[in-house]
């Protein structure tokens, strides 16, 4: 059996039919496809901090990005924390969505526990 591409053409009125056979070569073709993004190395993974077992006597930092209504939420959250852990100290912080490394380092020195909240 002859390999090829067959083209069928039907006339305007549908009355005539023409069949053409175009032979093709049966050679193997290899294509190499490259990823235009290149290699992206994943960022290093860090183990999570050890879980704190008790908040009594701890310094609890609450960070809020200043979105509207977030202060109401954090007021209630702070009240509940003080009610359950009266010896804990609550420190409130407000700033941009992205803390940045320097601010995060400073906050880590000031508090034992950190709660980060954003609103939208």
PDB file of N, CA and C in Angstrom:
ATOM      1  N   UNK A   1       0.842  -1.173   0.000  1.00  0.00           N
ATOM      2  CA  UNK A   1       0.000   0.000   0.000  1.00  0.00           C
ATOM      3  C   UNK A   1       0.889   1.238   0.000  1.00  0.00           C
ATOM      4  N   UNK A   2       0.575   2.172  -0.815  1.00  0.00           N
ATOM      5  CA  UNK A   2       1.349   3.377  -0.957  1.00  0.00           C
ATOM      6  C   UNK A   2       0.908   4.387   0.092  1.00  0.00           C
ATOM      7  N   UNK A   3       1.915   4.972   0.804  1.00  0.00           N
ATOM      8  CA  UNK A   3       1.587   5.969   1.821  1.00  0.00           C
ATOM      9  C   UNK A   3       1.586   7.332   1.168  1.00  0.00           C
ATOM     10  N   UNK A   4       0.655   8.175   1.630  1.00  0.00           N
ATOM     11  CA  UNK A   4       0.627   9.518   1.088  1.00  0.00           C
ATOM     12  C   UNK A   4      -0.509  10.306   1.694  1.00  0.00           C
ATOM     13  N   UNK A   5      -0.612  11.529   1.286  1.00  0.00           N
ATOM     14  CA  UNK A   5      -1.699  12.390   1.708  1.00  0.00           C
ATOM     15  C   UNK A   5      -2.702  12.397   0.577  1.00  0.00           C
ATOM     16  N   UNK A   6      -3.955  12.176   0.920  1.00  0.00           N
ATOM     17  CA  UNK A   6      -4.994  12.146  -0.094  1.00  0.00           C
ATOM     18  C   UNK A   6      -5.829  13.410   0.018  1.00  0.00           C
ATOM     19  N   UNK A   7      -6.058  14.056  -1.078  1.00  0.00           N
ATOM     20  CA  UNK A   7      -6.816  15.292  -1.111  1.00  0.00           C
ATOM     21  C   UNK A   7      -8.054  15.044  -1.950  1.00  0.00           C
ATOM     22  N   UNK A   8      -9.209  15.308  -1.364  1.00  0.00           N
ATOM     23  CA  UNK A   8     -10.469  15.122  -2.074  1.00  0.00           C
ATOM     24  C   UNK A   8     -11.090  16.491  -2.315  1.00  0.00           C
ATOM     25  N   UNK A   9     -11.466  16.751  -3.542  1.00  0.00           N
ATOM     26  CA  UNK A   9     -12.086  18.029  -3.900  1.00  0.00           C
ATOM     27  C   UNK A   9     -13.463  17.740  -4.466  1.00  0.00           C
ATOM     28  N   UNK A  10     -14.443  18.401  -3.910  1.00  0.00           N
ATOM     29  CA  UNK A  10     -15.820  18.234  -4.402  1.00  0.00           C
ATOM     30  C   UNK A  10     -16.179  19.484  -5.181  1.00  0.00           C
ATOM     31  N   UNK A  11     -16.738  19.287  -6.358  1.00  0.00           N
ATOM     32  CA  UNK A  11     -17.099  20.406  -7.228  1.00  0.00           C
ATOM     33  C   UNK A  11     -18.203  21.259  -6.627  1.00  0.00           C
ATOM     34  N   UNK A  12     -18.459  22.399  -7.254  1.00  0.00           N
ATOM     35  CA  UNK A  12     -19.419  23.360  -6.716  1.00  0.00           C
ATOM     36  C   UNK A  12     -20.815  22.763  -6.615  1.00  0.00           C
ATOM     37  N   UNK A  13     -21.221  22.016  -7.545  1.00  0.00           N
ATOM     38  CA  UNK A  13     -22.561  21.437  -7.508  1.00  0.00           C
ATOM     39  C   UNK A  13     -22.565  20.115  -6.777  1.00  0.00           C
ATOM     40  N   UNK A  14     -21.401  19.637  -6.378  1.00  0.00           N
ATOM     41  CA  UNK A  14     -21.311  18.373  -5.663  1.00  0.00           C
ATOM     42  C   UNK A  14     -21.400  17.186  -6.593  1.00  0.00           C
ATOM     43  N   UNK A  15     -21.324  17.429  -7.889  1.00  0.00           N
ATOM     44  CA  UNK A  15     -21.494  16.349  -8.828  1.00  0.00           C
ATOM     45  C   UNK A  15     -20.177  15.699  -9.216  1.00  0.00           C
ATOM     46  N   UNK A  16     -19.089  16.438  -9.149  1.00  0.00           N
ATOM     47  CA  UNK A  16     -17.822  15.857  -9.564  1.00  0.00           C
ATOM     48  C   UNK A  16     -16.915  15.664  -8.352  1.00  0.00           C
ATOM     49  N   UNK A  17     -16.105  14.645  -8.354  1.00  0.00           N
ATOM     50  CA  UNK A  17     -15.196  14.324  -7.255  1.00  0.00           C
ATOM     51  C   UNK A  17     -13.830  14.058  -7.852  1.00  0.00           C
ATOM     52  N   UNK A  18     -12.798  14.729  -7.307  1.00  0.00           N
ATOM     53  CA  UNK A  18     -11.452  14.571  -7.796  1.00  0.00           C
ATOM     54  C   UNK A  18     -10.603  14.097  -6.631  1.00  0.00           C
ATOM     55  N   UNK A  19      -9.849  13.039  -6.762  1.00  0.00           N
ATOM     56  CA  UNK A  19      -8.979  12.528  -5.701  1.00  0.00           C
ATOM     57  C   UNK A  19      -7.550  12.593  -6.183  1.00  0.00           C
ATOM     58  N   UNK A  20      -6.696  13.222  -5.379  1.00  0.00           N
ATOM     59  CA  UNK A  20      -5.287  13.321  -5.699  1.00  0.00           C
ATOM     60  C   UNK A  20      -4.500  12.600  -4.617  1.00  0.00           C
ATOM     61  N   UNK A  21      -3.448  11.965  -4.978  1.00  0.00           N
ATOM     62  CA  UNK A  21      -2.574  11.305  -4.019  1.00  0.00           C
ATOM     63  C   UNK A  21      -1.221  11.979  -4.098  1.00  0.00           C
ATOM     64  N   UNK A  22      -0.759  12.513  -2.933  1.00  0.00           N
ATOM     65  CA  UNK A  22       0.540  13.157  -2.879  1.00  0.00           C
ATOM     66  C   UNK A  22       1.445  12.261  -2.044  1.00  0.00           C
ATOM     67  N   UNK A  23       2.424  11.612  -2.628  1.00  0.00           N
ATOM     68  CA  UNK A  23       3.290  10.717  -1.868  1.00  0.00           C
ATOM     69  C   UNK A  23       4.173  11.495  -0.882  1.00  0.00           C
ATOM     70  N   UNK A  24       4.449  10.893   0.282  1.00  0.00           N
ATOM     71  CA  UNK A  24       5.336  11.509   1.270  1.00  0.00           C
ATOM     72  C   UNK A  24       6.448  10.531   1.600  1.00  0.00           C
ATOM     73  N   UNK A  25       7.545  11.079   2.102  1.00  0.00           N
ATOM     74  CA  UNK A  25       8.666  10.250   2.518  1.00  0.00           C
ATOM     75  C   UNK A  25       8.407   9.775   3.939  1.00  0.00           C
ATOM     76  N   UNK A  26       8.749   8.558   4.237  1.00  0.00           N
ATOM     77  CA  UNK A  26       8.513   7.984   5.561  1.00  0.00           C
ATOM     78  C   UNK A  26       9.779   8.033   6.400  1.00  0.00           C
ATOM     79  N   UNK A  27      10.375   9.237   6.595  1.00  0.00           N
ATOM     80  CA  UNK A  27      11.572   9.382   7.399  1.00  0.00           C
ATOM     81  C   UNK A  27      11.198   9.854   8.798  1.00  0.00           C
ATOM     82  N   UNK A  28      11.973   9.397   9.773  1.00  0.00           N
ATOM     83  CA  UNK A  28      11.750   9.829  11.151  1.00  0.00           C
ATOM     84  C   UNK A  28      12.217  11.265  11.315  1.00  0.00           C
ATOM     85  N   UNK A  29      11.448  12.027  12.061  1.00  0.00           N
ATOM     86  CA  UNK A  29      11.767  13.427  12.312  1.00  0.00           C
ATOM     87  C   UNK A  29      11.908  13.617  13.812  1.00  0.00           C
ATOM     88  N   UNK A  30      12.963  14.288  14.236  1.00  0.00           N
ATOM     89  CA  UNK A  30      13.175  14.583  15.647  1.00  0.00           C
ATOM     90  C   UNK A  30      13.132  16.086  15.835  1.00  0.00           C
ATOM     91  N   UNK A  31      12.316  16.529  16.789  1.00  0.00           N
ATOM     92  CA  UNK A  31      12.222  17.951  17.091  1.00  0.00           C
ATOM     93  C   UNK A  31      12.751  18.190  18.499  1.00  0.00           C
ATOM     94  N   UNK A  32      13.538  19.214  18.666  1.00  0.00           N
ATOM     95  CA  UNK A  32      14.016  19.593  19.994  1.00  0.00           C
ATOM     96  C   UNK A  32      13.274  20.864  20.392  1.00  0.00           C
ATOM     97  N   UNK A  33      12.577  20.801  21.527  1.00  0.00           N
ATOM     98  CA  UNK A  33      11.798  21.938  21.997  1.00  0.00           C
ATOM     99  C   UNK A  33      12.479  22.507  23.231  1.00  0.00           C
ATOM    100  N   UNK A  34      12.711  23.804  23.238  1.00  0.00           N
ATOM    101  CA  UNK A  34      13.379  24.462  24.352  1.00  0.00           C
ATOM    102  C   UNK A  34      12.376  25.304  25.128  1.00  0.00           C
ATOM    103  N   UNK A  35      12.559  25.372  26.429  1.00  0.00           N
ATOM    104  CA  UNK A  35      11.714  26.197  27.281  1.00  0.00           C
ATOM    105  C   UNK A  35      12.293  27.606  27.289  1.00  0.00           C
ATOM    106  N   UNK A  36      11.554  28.606  26.825  1.00  0.00           N
ATOM    107  CA  UNK A  36      12.117  29.966  26.753  1.00  0.00           C
ATOM    108  C   UNK A  36      12.317  30.606  28.124  1.00  0.00           C
ATOM    109  N   UNK A  37      11.704  30.057  29.178  1.00  0.00           N
ATOM    110  CA  UNK A  37      11.850  30.633  30.513  1.00  0.00           C
ATOM    111  C   UNK A  37      13.167  30.241  31.171  1.00  0.00           C
ATOM    112  N   UNK A  38      13.827  29.236  30.676  1.00  0.00           N
ATOM    113  CA  UNK A  38      15.078  28.790  31.272  1.00  0.00           C
ATOM    114  C   UNK A  38      14.827  27.989  32.537  1.00  0.00           C
ATOM    115  N   UNK A  39      15.882  27.762  33.287  1.00  0.00           N
ATOM    116  CA  UNK A  39      15.755  27.017  34.532  1.00  0.00           C
ATOM    117  C   UNK A  39      15.521  27.980  35.681  1.00  0.00           C
ATOM    118  N   UNK A  40      14.530  27.678  36.478  1.00  0.00           N
ATOM    119  CA  UNK A  40      14.215  28.497  37.642  1.00  0.00           C
ATOM    120  C   UNK A  40      14.453  27.648  38.875  1.00  0.00           C
ATOM    121  N   UNK A  41      15.422  28.059  39.670  1.00  0.00           N
ATOM    122  CA  UNK A  41      15.725  27.299  40.877  1.00  0.00           C
ATOM    123  C   UNK A  41      14.752  27.704  41.974  1.00  0.00           C
ATOM    124  N   UNK A  42      14.206  26.739  42.699  1.00  0.00           N
ATOM    125  CA  UNK A  42      13.266  27.080  43.769  1.00  0.00           C
ATOM    126  C   UNK A  42      13.991  27.755  44.927  1.00  0.00           C
ATOM    127  N   UNK A  43      13.269  28.610  45.659  1.00  0.00           N
ATOM    128  CA  UNK A  43      13.901  29.259  46.803  1.00  0.00           C
ATOM    129  C   UNK A  43      14.169  28.231  47.899  1.00  0.00           C
ATOM    130  N   UNK A  44      15.116  28.526  48.783  1.00  0.00           N
ATOM    131  CA  UNK A  44      15.402  27.568  49.854  1.00  0.00           C
ATOM    132  C   UNK A  44      14.197  27.426  50.789  1.00  0.00           C
ATOM    133  N   UNK A  45      13.988  26.242  51.281  1.00  0.00           N
ATOM    134  CA  UNK A  45      12.878  26.020  52.205  1.00  0.00           C
ATOM    135  C   UNK A  45      13.392  26.115  53.634  1.00  0.00           C
ATOM    136  N   UNK A  46      12.546  26.633  54.487  1.00  0.00           N
ATOM    137  CA  UNK A  46      12.886  26.788  55.888  1.00  0.00           C
ATOM    138  C   UNK A  46      11.929  25.959  56.728  1.00  0.00           C
ATOM    139  N   UNK A  47      12.442  25.387  57.772  1.00  0.00           N
ATOM    140  CA  UNK A  47      11.579  24.634  58.683  1.00  0.00           C
ATOM    141  C   UNK A  47      10.732  25.619  59.481  1.00  0.00           C
ATOM    142  N   UNK A  48       9.492  25.244  59.797  1.00  0.00           N
ATOM    143  CA  UNK A  48       8.664  26.144  60.600  1.00  0.00           C
ATOM    144  C   UNK A  48       9.242  26.308  61.999  1.00  0.00           C
ATOM    145  N   UNK A  49       8.957  27.441  62.606  1.00  0.00           N
ATOM    146  CA  UNK A  49       9.395  27.688  63.979  1.00  0.00           C
ATOM    147  C   UNK A  49       8.692  26.713  64.913  1.00  0.00           C
ATOM    148  N   UNK A  50       9.323  26.395  66.018  1.00  0.00           N
ATOM    149  CA  UNK A  50       8.665  25.492  66.967  1.00  0.00           C
ATOM    150  C   UNK A  50       7.372  26.114  67.494  1.00  0.00           C
ATOM    151  N   UNK A  51       6.381  25.279  67.672  1.00  0.00           N
ATOM    152  CA  UNK A  51       5.078  25.747  68.142  1.00  0.00           C
ATOM    153  C   UNK A  51       5.166  26.159  69.608  1.00  0.00           C
ATOM    154  N   UNK A  52       4.553  27.290  69.930  1.00  0.00           N
ATOM    155  CA  UNK A  52       4.515  27.769  71.308  1.00  0.00           C
ATOM    156  C   UNK A  52       3.385  27.036  72.020  1.00  0.00           C
ATOM    157  N   UNK A  53       3.670  26.489  73.176  1.00  0.00           N
ATOM    158  CA  UNK A  53       2.671  25.676  73.890  1.00  0.00           C
ATOM    159  C   UNK A  53       1.742  26.500  74.761  1.00  0.00           C
ATOM    160  N   UNK A  54       2.183  27.692  75.216  1.00  0.00           N
ATOM    161  CA  UNK A  54       1.358  28.504  76.102  1.00  0.00           C
ATOM    162  C   UNK A  54       1.638  29.980  75.840  1.00  0.00           C
ATOM    163  N   UNK A  55       0.601  30.803  75.809  1.00  0.00           N
ATOM    164  CA  UNK A  55       0.765  32.230  75.556  1.00  0.00           C
ATOM    165  C   UNK A  55       0.865  33.050  76.845  1.00  0.00           C
ATOM    166  N   UNK A  56       0.698  32.429  77.999  1.00  0.00           N
ATOM    167  CA  UNK A  56       0.760  33.148  79.273  1.00  0.00           C
ATOM    168  C   UNK A  56       2.139  33.780  79.429  1.00  0.00           C
ATOM    169  N   UNK A  57       2.159  35.088  79.736  1.00  0.00           N
ATOM    170  CA  UNK A  57       3.401  35.806  79.951  1.00  0.00           C
ATOM    171  C   UNK A  57       4.168  36.141  78.685  1.00  0.00           C
ATOM    172  N   UNK A  58       3.652  35.806  77.535  1.00  0.00           N
ATOM    173  CA  UNK A  58       4.351  36.056  76.260  1.00  0.00           C
ATOM    174  C   UNK A  58       4.049  37.465  75.748  1.00  0.00           C
ATOM    175  N   UNK A  59       4.942  37.955  74.911  1.00  0.00           N
ATOM    176  CA  UNK A  59       4.731  39.209  74.179  1.00  0.00           C
ATOM    177  C   UNK A  59       4.156  38.830  72.818  1.00  0.00           C
ATOM    178  N   UNK A  60       2.915  39.237  72.568  1.00  0.00           N
ATOM    179  CA  UNK A  60       2.211  38.868  71.333  1.00  0.00           C
ATOM    180  C   UNK A  60       2.153  40.092  70.431  1.00  0.00           C
ATOM    181  N   UNK A  61       2.751  39.993  69.260  1.00  0.00           N
ATOM    182  CA  UNK A  61       2.731  41.079  68.287  1.00  0.00           C
ATOM    183  C   UNK A  61       1.610  40.882  67.287  1.00  0.00           C
ATOM    184  N   UNK A  62       0.843  41.942  67.049  1.00  0.00           N
ATOM    185  CA  UNK A  62      -0.230  41.918  66.049  1.00  0.00           C
ATOM    186  C   UNK A  62       0.143  42.950  64.982  1.00  0.00           C
ATOM    187  N   UNK A  63       0.284  42.509  63.761  1.00  0.00           N
ATOM    188  CA  UNK A  63       0.644  43.394  62.653  1.00  0.00           C
ATOM    189  C   UNK A  63      -0.546  43.512  61.713  1.00  0.00           C
ATOM    190  N   UNK A  64      -0.904  44.750  61.414  1.00  0.00           N
ATOM    191  CA  UNK A  64      -2.047  45.032  60.552  1.00  0.00           C
ATOM    192  C   UNK A  64      -1.592  45.958  59.439  1.00  0.00           C
ATOM    193  N   UNK A  65      -2.058  45.715  58.216  1.00  0.00           N
ATOM    194  CA  UNK A  65      -1.606  46.523  57.085  1.00  0.00           C
ATOM    195  C   UNK A  65      -2.433  47.787  56.879  1.00  0.00           C
ATOM    196  N   UNK A  66      -3.339  48.094  57.781  1.00  0.00           N
ATOM    197  CA  UNK A  66      -4.062  49.358  57.726  1.00  0.00           C
ATOM    198  C   UNK A  66      -5.298  49.374  56.847  1.00  0.00           C
ATOM    199  N   UNK A  67      -5.711  48.239  56.329  1.00  0.00           N
ATOM    200  CA  UNK A  67      -6.919  48.212  55.507  1.00  0.00           C
ATOM    201  C   UNK A  67      -8.145  48.543  56.352  1.00  0.00           C
ATOM    202  N   UNK A  68      -9.100  49.164  55.744  1.00  0.00           N
ATOM    203  CA  UNK A  68     -10.308  49.609  56.424  1.00  0.00           C
ATOM    204  C   UNK A  68     -11.030  48.456  57.128  1.00  0.00           C
ATOM    205  N   UNK A  69     -11.388  48.679  58.385  1.00  0.00           N
ATOM    206  CA  UNK A  69     -12.131  47.679  59.161  1.00  0.00           C
ATOM    207  C   UNK A  69     -11.256  46.687  59.896  1.00  0.00           C
ATOM    208  N   UNK A  70      -9.995  46.594  59.531  1.00  0.00           N
ATOM    209  CA  UNK A  70      -9.094  45.647  60.186  1.00  0.00           C
ATOM    210  C   UNK A  70      -8.888  45.981  61.646  1.00  0.00           C
ATOM    211  N   UNK A  71      -8.892  47.279  61.967  1.00  0.00           N
ATOM    212  CA  UNK A  71      -8.712  47.683  63.358  1.00  0.00           C
ATOM    213  C   UNK A  71      -9.827  47.122  64.246  1.00  0.00           C
ATOM    214  N   UNK A  72     -11.044  47.054  63.733  1.00  0.00           N
ATOM    215  CA  UNK A  72     -12.157  46.481  64.507  1.00  0.00           C
ATOM    216  C   UNK A  72     -11.901  45.005  64.808  1.00  0.00           C
ATOM    217  N   UNK A  73     -11.442  44.275  63.819  1.00  0.00           N
ATOM    218  CA  UNK A  73     -11.137  42.858  63.998  1.00  0.00           C
ATOM    219  C   UNK A  73     -10.048  42.667  65.039  1.00  0.00           C
ATOM    220  N   UNK A  74      -8.958  43.439  64.906  1.00  0.00           N
ATOM    221  CA  UNK A  74      -7.833  43.281  65.829  1.00  0.00           C
ATOM    222  C   UNK A  74      -8.162  43.756  67.241  1.00  0.00           C
ATOM    223  N   UNK A  75      -9.081  44.725  67.373  1.00  0.00           N
ATOM    224  CA  UNK A  75      -9.531  45.127  68.713  1.00  0.00           C
ATOM    225  C   UNK A  75     -10.204  43.951  69.418  1.00  0.00           C
ATOM    226  N   UNK A  76     -11.056  43.247  68.690  1.00  0.00           N
ATOM    227  CA  UNK A  76     -11.748  42.085  69.264  1.00  0.00           C
ATOM    228  C   UNK A  76     -10.766  40.960  69.540  1.00  0.00           C
ATOM    229  N   UNK A  77      -9.861  40.681  68.590  1.00  0.00           N
ATOM    230  CA  UNK A  77      -8.855  39.622  68.782  1.00  0.00           C
ATOM    231  C   UNK A  77      -7.980  39.933  69.997  1.00  0.00           C
ATOM    232  N   UNK A  78      -7.574  41.181  70.149  1.00  0.00           N
ATOM    233  CA  UNK A  78      -6.754  41.569  71.296  1.00  0.00           C
ATOM    234  C   UNK A  78      -7.532  41.382  72.596  1.00  0.00           C
ATOM    235  N   UNK A  79      -8.797  41.764  72.618  1.00  0.00           N
ATOM    236  CA  UNK A  79      -9.631  41.579  73.810  1.00  0.00           C
ATOM    237  C   UNK A  79      -9.753  40.113  74.197  1.00  0.00           C
ATOM    238  N   UNK A  80      -9.941  39.252  73.213  1.00  0.00           N
ATOM    239  CA  UNK A  80     -10.059  37.813  73.494  1.00  0.00           C
ATOM    240  C   UNK A  80      -8.744  37.235  74.012  1.00  0.00           C
ATOM    241  N   UNK A  81      -7.632  37.676  73.439  1.00  0.00           N
ATOM    242  CA  UNK A  81      -6.324  37.201  73.906  1.00  0.00           C
ATOM    243  C   UNK A  81      -6.072  37.652  75.352  1.00  0.00           C
ATOM    244  N   UNK A  82      -6.393  38.908  75.672  1.00  0.00           N
ATOM    245  CA  UNK A  82      -6.195  39.422  77.027  1.00  0.00           C
ATOM    246  C   UNK A  82      -7.101  38.698  78.027  1.00  0.00           C
ATOM    247  N   UNK A  83      -8.292  38.365  77.584  1.00  0.00           N
ATOM    248  CA  UNK A  83      -9.237  37.647  78.452  1.00  0.00           C
ATOM    249  C   UNK A  83      -8.725  36.248  78.774  1.00  0.00           C
ATOM    250  N   UNK A  84      -8.212  35.567  77.772  1.00  0.00           N
ATOM    251  CA  UNK A  84      -7.744  34.196  77.967  1.00  0.00           C
ATOM    252  C   UNK A  84      -6.345  34.134  78.578  1.00  0.00           C
ATOM    253  N   UNK A  85      -5.495  35.119  78.247  1.00  0.00           N
ATOM    254  CA  UNK A  85      -4.115  35.143  78.739  1.00  0.00           C
ATOM    255  C   UNK A  85      -3.826  36.519  79.348  1.00  0.00           C
ATOM    256  N   UNK A  86      -4.327  36.792  80.555  1.00  0.00           N
ATOM    257  CA  UNK A  86      -4.188  38.131  81.141  1.00  0.00           C
ATOM    258  C   UNK A  86      -2.738  38.548  81.392  1.00  0.00           C
ATOM    259  N   UNK A  87      -1.824  37.615  81.539  1.00  0.00           N
ATOM    260  CA  UNK A  87      -0.421  37.979  81.778  1.00  0.00           C
ATOM    261  C   UNK A  87       0.355  38.249  80.481  1.00  0.00           C
ATOM    262  N   UNK A  88      -0.281  38.046  79.341  1.00  0.00           N
ATOM    263  CA  UNK A  88       0.376  38.306  78.051  1.00  0.00           C
ATOM    264  C   UNK A  88       0.369  39.798  77.757  1.00  0.00           C
ATOM    265  N   UNK A  89       1.367  40.248  77.030  1.00  0.00           N
ATOM    266  CA  UNK A  89       1.452  41.637  76.599  1.00  0.00           C
ATOM    267  C   UNK A  89       1.176  41.673  75.102  1.00  0.00           C
ATOM    268  N   UNK A  90       0.243  42.542  74.703  1.00  0.00           N
ATOM    269  CA  UNK A  90      -0.105  42.671  73.286  1.00  0.00           C
ATOM    270  C   UNK A  90       0.562  43.926  72.743  1.00  0.00           C
ATOM    271  N   UNK A  91       1.323  43.782  71.680  1.00  0.00           N
ATOM    272  CA  UNK A  91       1.966  44.902  71.005  1.00  0.00           C
ATOM    273  C   UNK A  91       1.373  45.023  69.607  1.00  0.00           C
ATOM    274  N   UNK A  92       0.876  46.209  69.281  1.00  0.00           N
ATOM    275  CA  UNK A  92       0.231  46.416  67.981  1.00  0.00           C
ATOM    276  C   UNK A  92       1.188  47.133  67.034  1.00  0.00           C
ATOM    277  N   UNK A  93       1.198  46.671  65.780  1.00  0.00           N
ATOM    278  CA  UNK A  93       2.027  47.269  64.741  1.00  0.00           C
ATOM    279  C   UNK A  93       1.153  47.523  63.520  1.00  0.00           C
ATOM    280  N   UNK A  94       1.482  48.575  62.786  1.00  0.00           N
ATOM    281  CA  UNK A  94       0.749  48.901  61.563  1.00  0.00           C
ATOM    282  C   UNK A  94       1.763  49.324  60.513  1.00  0.00           C
ATOM    283  N   UNK A  95       1.616  48.816  59.316  1.00  0.00           N
ATOM    284  CA  UNK A  95       2.549  49.169  58.254  1.00  0.00           C
ATOM    285  C   UNK A  95       2.101  48.621  56.924  1.00  0.00           C
ATOM    286  N   UNK A  96       2.994  48.622  55.939  1.00  0.00           N
ATOM    287  CA  UNK A  96       2.638  48.154  54.598  1.00  0.00           C
ATOM    288  C   UNK A  96       2.440  46.640  54.554  1.00  0.00           C
ATOM    289  N   UNK A  97       1.838  46.187  53.462  1.00  0.00           N
ATOM    290  CA  UNK A  97       1.585  44.753  53.265  1.00  0.00           C
ATOM    291  C   UNK A  97       2.873  43.949  53.381  1.00  0.00           C
ATOM    292  N   UNK A  98       3.922  44.435  52.733  1.00  0.00           N
ATOM    293  CA  UNK A  98       5.212  43.732  52.763  1.00  0.00           C
ATOM    294  C   UNK A  98       6.065  44.310  53.885  1.00  0.00           C
ATOM    295  N   UNK A  99       6.318  43.508  54.895  1.00  0.00           N
ATOM    296  CA  UNK A  99       7.117  43.960  56.032  1.00  0.00           C
ATOM    297  C   UNK A  99       8.536  44.321  55.627  1.00  0.00           C
ATOM    298  N   UNK A 100       9.123  43.506  54.814  1.00  0.00           N
ATOM    299  CA  UNK A 100      10.533  43.649  54.487  1.00  0.00           C
ATOM    300  C   UNK A 100      11.368  42.957  55.552  1.00  0.00           C
ATOM    301  N   UNK A 101      12.570  42.586  55.200  1.00  0.00           N
ATOM    302  CA  UNK A 101      13.437  41.816  56.099  1.00  0.00           C
ATOM    303  C   UNK A 101      13.829  42.582  57.354  1.00  0.00           C
ATOM    304  N   UNK A 102      14.128  43.865  57.208  1.00  0.00           N
ATOM    305  CA  UNK A 102      14.598  44.656  58.341  1.00  0.00           C
ATOM    306  C   UNK A 102      13.502  44.780  59.405  1.00  0.00           C
ATOM    307  N   UNK A 103      12.287  45.131  58.994  1.00  0.00           N
ATOM    308  CA  UNK A 103      11.170  45.262  59.946  1.00  0.00           C
ATOM    309  C   UNK A 103      10.874  43.918  60.592  1.00  0.00           C
ATOM    310  N   UNK A 104      10.874  42.854  59.791  1.00  0.00           N
ATOM    311  CA  UNK A 104      10.599  41.516  60.334  1.00  0.00           C
ATOM    312  C   UNK A 104      11.647  41.131  61.382  1.00  0.00           C
ATOM    313  N   UNK A 105      12.917  41.450  61.122  1.00  0.00           N
ATOM    314  CA  UNK A 105      13.978  41.151  62.100  1.00  0.00           C
ATOM    315  C   UNK A 105      13.751  41.909  63.406  1.00  0.00           C
ATOM    316  N   UNK A 106      13.397  43.180  63.297  1.00  0.00           N
ATOM    317  CA  UNK A 106      13.154  43.991  64.493  1.00  0.00           C
ATOM    318  C   UNK A 106      11.957  43.471  65.283  1.00  0.00           C
ATOM    319  N   UNK A 107      10.898  43.118  64.588  1.00  0.00           N
ATOM    320  CA  UNK A 107       9.720  42.587  65.268  1.00  0.00           C
ATOM    321  C   UNK A 107      10.034  41.261  65.958  1.00  0.00           C
ATOM    322  N   UNK A 108      10.838  40.447  65.335  1.00  0.00           N
ATOM    323  CA  UNK A 108      11.189  39.147  65.911  1.00  0.00           C
ATOM    324  C   UNK A 108      11.953  39.329  67.224  1.00  0.00           C
ATOM    325  N   UNK A 109      12.673  40.438  67.362  1.00  0.00           N
ATOM    326  CA  UNK A 109      13.398  40.707  68.608  1.00  0.00           C
ATOM    327  C   UNK A 109      12.470  41.222  69.708  1.00  0.00           C
ATOM    328  N   UNK A 110      11.351  41.836  69.319  1.00  0.00           N
ATOM    329  CA  UNK A 110      10.459  42.473  70.280  1.00  0.00           C
ATOM    330  C   UNK A 110       9.352  41.568  70.806  1.00  0.00           C
ATOM    331  N   UNK A 111       9.003  40.532  70.068  1.00  0.00           N
ATOM    332  CA  UNK A 111       7.857  39.701  70.463  1.00  0.00           C
ATOM    333  C   UNK A 111       8.229  38.220  70.482  1.00  0.00           C
ATOM    334  N   UNK A 112       7.413  37.450  71.231  1.00  0.00           N
ATOM    335  CA  UNK A 112       7.577  35.994  71.267  1.00  0.00           C
ATOM    336  C   UNK A 112       6.691  35.324  70.214  1.00  0.00           C
ATOM    337  N   UNK A 113       5.538  35.914  69.991  1.00  0.00           N
ATOM    338  CA  UNK A 113       4.534  35.387  69.058  1.00  0.00           C
ATOM    339  C   UNK A 113       4.145  36.531  68.134  1.00  0.00           C
ATOM    340  N   UNK A 114       3.903  36.205  66.889  1.00  0.00           N
ATOM    341  CA  UNK A 114       3.600  37.240  65.912  1.00  0.00           C
ATOM    342  C   UNK A 114       2.367  36.823  65.118  1.00  0.00           C
ATOM    343  N   UNK A 115       1.389  37.731  65.027  1.00  0.00           N
ATOM    344  CA  UNK A 115       0.193  37.494  64.212  1.00  0.00           C
ATOM    345  C   UNK A 115       0.183  38.557  63.128  1.00  0.00           C
ATOM    346  N   UNK A 116       0.129  38.123  61.898  1.00  0.00           N
ATOM    347  CA  UNK A 116       0.157  39.032  60.740  1.00  0.00           C
ATOM    348  C   UNK A 116      -1.205  38.996  60.082  1.00  0.00           C
ATOM    349  N   UNK A 117      -1.820  40.152  59.918  1.00  0.00           N
ATOM    350  CA  UNK A 117      -3.143  40.173  59.310  1.00  0.00           C
ATOM    351  C   UNK A 117      -3.250  41.237  58.225  1.00  0.00           C
ATOM    352  N   UNK A 118      -3.911  40.879  57.156  1.00  0.00           N
ATOM    353  CA  UNK A 118      -4.176  41.824  56.069  1.00  0.00           C
ATOM    354  C   UNK A 118      -5.673  41.831  55.835  1.00  0.00           C
ATOM    355  N   UNK A 119      -6.162  42.877  55.241  1.00  0.00           N
ATOM    356  CA  UNK A 119      -7.590  42.959  54.983  1.00  0.00           C
ATOM    357  C   UNK A 119      -7.875  43.298  53.541  1.00  0.00           C
ATOM    358  N   UNK A 120      -8.963  42.810  53.047  1.00  0.00           N
ATOM    359  CA  UNK A 120      -9.498  43.156  51.724  1.00  0.00           C
ATOM    360  C   UNK A 120     -10.894  42.651  51.598  1.00  0.00           C
TER     361      UNK A 120
END
